[in-house]
């Protein structure tokens, strides 16, 4: 499998990273994807956004390397989880190596979250 794993920042969901890493290890592609919701970064100025994004990307790639996880990391800004997953599936990959499996973590706060957020999660599946 060529996996796109929607981890958010990978250091927040190490169990999901390790789980997918066990069956992609040295054989297939693993991409950790982080969908950044547009509303969550709208308070930053444009220069601050790119600086913040690059710094966090470098930090997360270092985290993956320290854990010896062979994975790429990419972040994408989108208005919804479904839209971000759709665009990441189309845009990520290396040449002909494209993700053919999408791995999502289980939504832990489904009882407390807004109905729109839950609907977006279900529509992504």
Protein backbone atom coordinates (compact mmCIF):
# COMPACT_ATOMS: atom_id res chain seq x y z
CA UNK A 1 0.00 0.00 0.00
CA UNK A 2 1.00 3.57 -0.69
CA UNK A 3 -0.42 5.36 2.37
CA UNK A 4 -1.47 8.91 3.02
CA UNK A 5 -1.91 9.12 6.79
CA UNK A 6 -3.91 12.05 8.11
CA UNK A 7 -2.01 12.49 11.34
CA UNK A 8 -2.15 16.23 11.74
CA UNK A 9 1.24 16.98 13.24
CA UNK A 10 2.75 13.45 13.42
CA UNK A 11 4.08 13.96 16.95
CA UNK A 12 0.49 14.36 18.17
CA UNK A 13 -0.50 10.87 16.93
CA UNK A 14 2.59 8.68 17.31
CA UNK A 15 0.54 5.47 17.57
CA UNK A 16 -1.02 6.11 14.15
CA UNK A 17 2.40 6.85 12.65
CA UNK A 18 3.86 3.67 14.18
CA UNK A 19 0.88 1.57 13.06
CA UNK A 20 1.20 2.57 9.41
CA UNK A 21 5.00 2.48 9.65
CA UNK A 22 4.87 -1.23 10.53
CA UNK A 23 3.38 -2.25 7.20
CA UNK A 24 5.05 0.34 4.94
CA UNK A 25 8.54 -0.07 6.43
CA UNK A 26 11.19 -0.13 3.66
CA UNK A 27 8.67 -1.40 1.09
CA UNK A 28 6.17 1.27 0.23
CA UNK A 29 5.34 4.96 0.45
CA UNK A 30 4.12 6.68 3.59
CA UNK A 31 3.10 10.33 3.65
CA UNK A 32 2.00 12.00 6.87
CA UNK A 33 -0.54 14.66 5.97
CA UNK A 34 -1.59 17.63 8.05
CA UNK A 35 -4.70 19.51 6.98
CA UNK A 36 -4.60 22.99 8.45
CA UNK A 37 -8.03 24.55 8.65
CA UNK A 38 -8.13 28.04 7.14
CA UNK A 39 -9.85 29.54 10.19
CA UNK A 40 -7.16 28.32 12.59
CA UNK A 41 -4.37 30.34 10.93
CA UNK A 42 -6.29 33.41 9.77
CA UNK A 43 -5.03 35.47 12.73
CA UNK A 44 -1.42 35.39 11.42
CA UNK A 45 -0.05 37.81 8.86
CA UNK A 46 1.09 36.31 5.54
CA UNK A 47 4.84 36.48 6.34
CA UNK A 48 4.26 34.94 9.77
CA UNK A 49 2.25 32.09 8.22
CA UNK A 50 5.04 30.97 5.88
CA UNK A 51 7.70 31.30 8.58
CA UNK A 52 5.56 29.41 11.11
CA UNK A 53 4.69 26.69 8.58
CA UNK A 54 8.32 26.16 7.51
CA UNK A 55 9.56 26.02 11.11
CA UNK A 56 6.91 23.50 12.14
CA UNK A 57 7.56 21.40 9.01
CA UNK A 58 11.28 21.21 9.80
CA UNK A 59 10.53 20.30 13.41
CA UNK A 60 8.12 17.52 12.40
CA UNK A 61 10.49 16.07 9.80
CA UNK A 62 13.20 15.98 12.48
CA UNK A 63 10.75 14.19 14.81
CA UNK A 64 10.07 11.54 12.13
CA UNK A 65 13.81 11.10 11.50
CA UNK A 66 14.59 10.72 15.22
CA UNK A 67 12.02 7.93 15.46
CA UNK A 68 13.49 6.34 12.32
CA UNK A 69 10.14 6.49 10.53
CA UNK A 70 10.57 6.50 6.76
CA UNK A 71 7.90 8.96 5.81
CA UNK A 72 7.36 12.22 4.02
CA UNK A 73 5.47 15.04 5.69
CA UNK A 74 3.21 17.51 3.94
CA UNK A 75 0.74 20.07 5.15
CA UNK A 76 -2.15 21.56 3.24
CA UNK A 77 -4.44 24.47 4.00
CA UNK A 78 -8.13 23.82 3.39
CA UNK A 79 -11.56 24.90 4.53
CA UNK A 80 -12.64 21.38 5.56
CA UNK A 81 -11.20 17.96 6.30
CA UNK A 82 -12.92 16.44 3.27
CA UNK A 83 -11.59 19.10 0.91
CA UNK A 84 -8.08 18.84 2.36
CA UNK A 85 -8.02 15.03 2.12
CA UNK A 86 -9.27 15.21 -1.46
CA UNK A 87 -6.57 17.68 -2.52
CA UNK A 88 -3.81 15.87 -0.62
CA UNK A 89 -4.70 12.57 -2.33
CA UNK A 90 -4.41 14.26 -5.72
CA UNK A 91 -1.35 16.41 -5.04
CA UNK A 92 0.91 14.14 -2.98
CA UNK A 93 3.19 11.41 -4.18
CA UNK A 94 6.45 10.90 -6.03
CA UNK A 95 6.09 10.48 -9.77
CA UNK A 96 4.03 7.37 -10.33
CA UNK A 97 4.04 6.53 -6.64
CA UNK A 98 0.70 7.96 -5.56
CA UNK A 99 -1.21 7.19 -2.37
CA UNK A 100 -3.83 4.48 -2.87
CA UNK A 101 -4.77 4.15 0.80
CA UNK A 102 -6.05 6.87 3.11
CA UNK A 103 -5.58 6.24 6.83
CA UNK A 104 -7.55 8.31 9.34
CA UNK A 105 -7.41 8.25 13.09
CA UNK A 106 -10.55 7.64 15.09
CA UNK A 107 -12.34 10.86 16.02
CA UNK A 108 -12.03 10.88 19.80
CA UNK A 109 -14.27 13.84 20.65
CA UNK A 110 -17.24 12.93 18.45
CA UNK A 111 -19.73 13.32 21.31
CA UNK A 112 -18.63 16.86 22.17
CA UNK A 113 -17.74 18.32 18.76
CA UNK A 114 -19.95 20.47 16.57
CA UNK A 115 -22.30 18.59 14.23
CA UNK A 116 -20.62 20.22 11.21
CA UNK A 117 -17.25 18.83 12.29
CA UNK A 118 -18.68 15.34 12.73
CA UNK A 119 -20.42 15.53 9.34
CA UNK A 120 -17.15 16.61 7.70
CA UNK A 121 -15.35 13.62 9.28
CA UNK A 122 -18.01 11.16 8.12
CA UNK A 123 -18.04 12.67 4.60
CA UNK A 124 -14.26 12.24 4.42
CA UNK A 125 -14.66 8.52 5.10
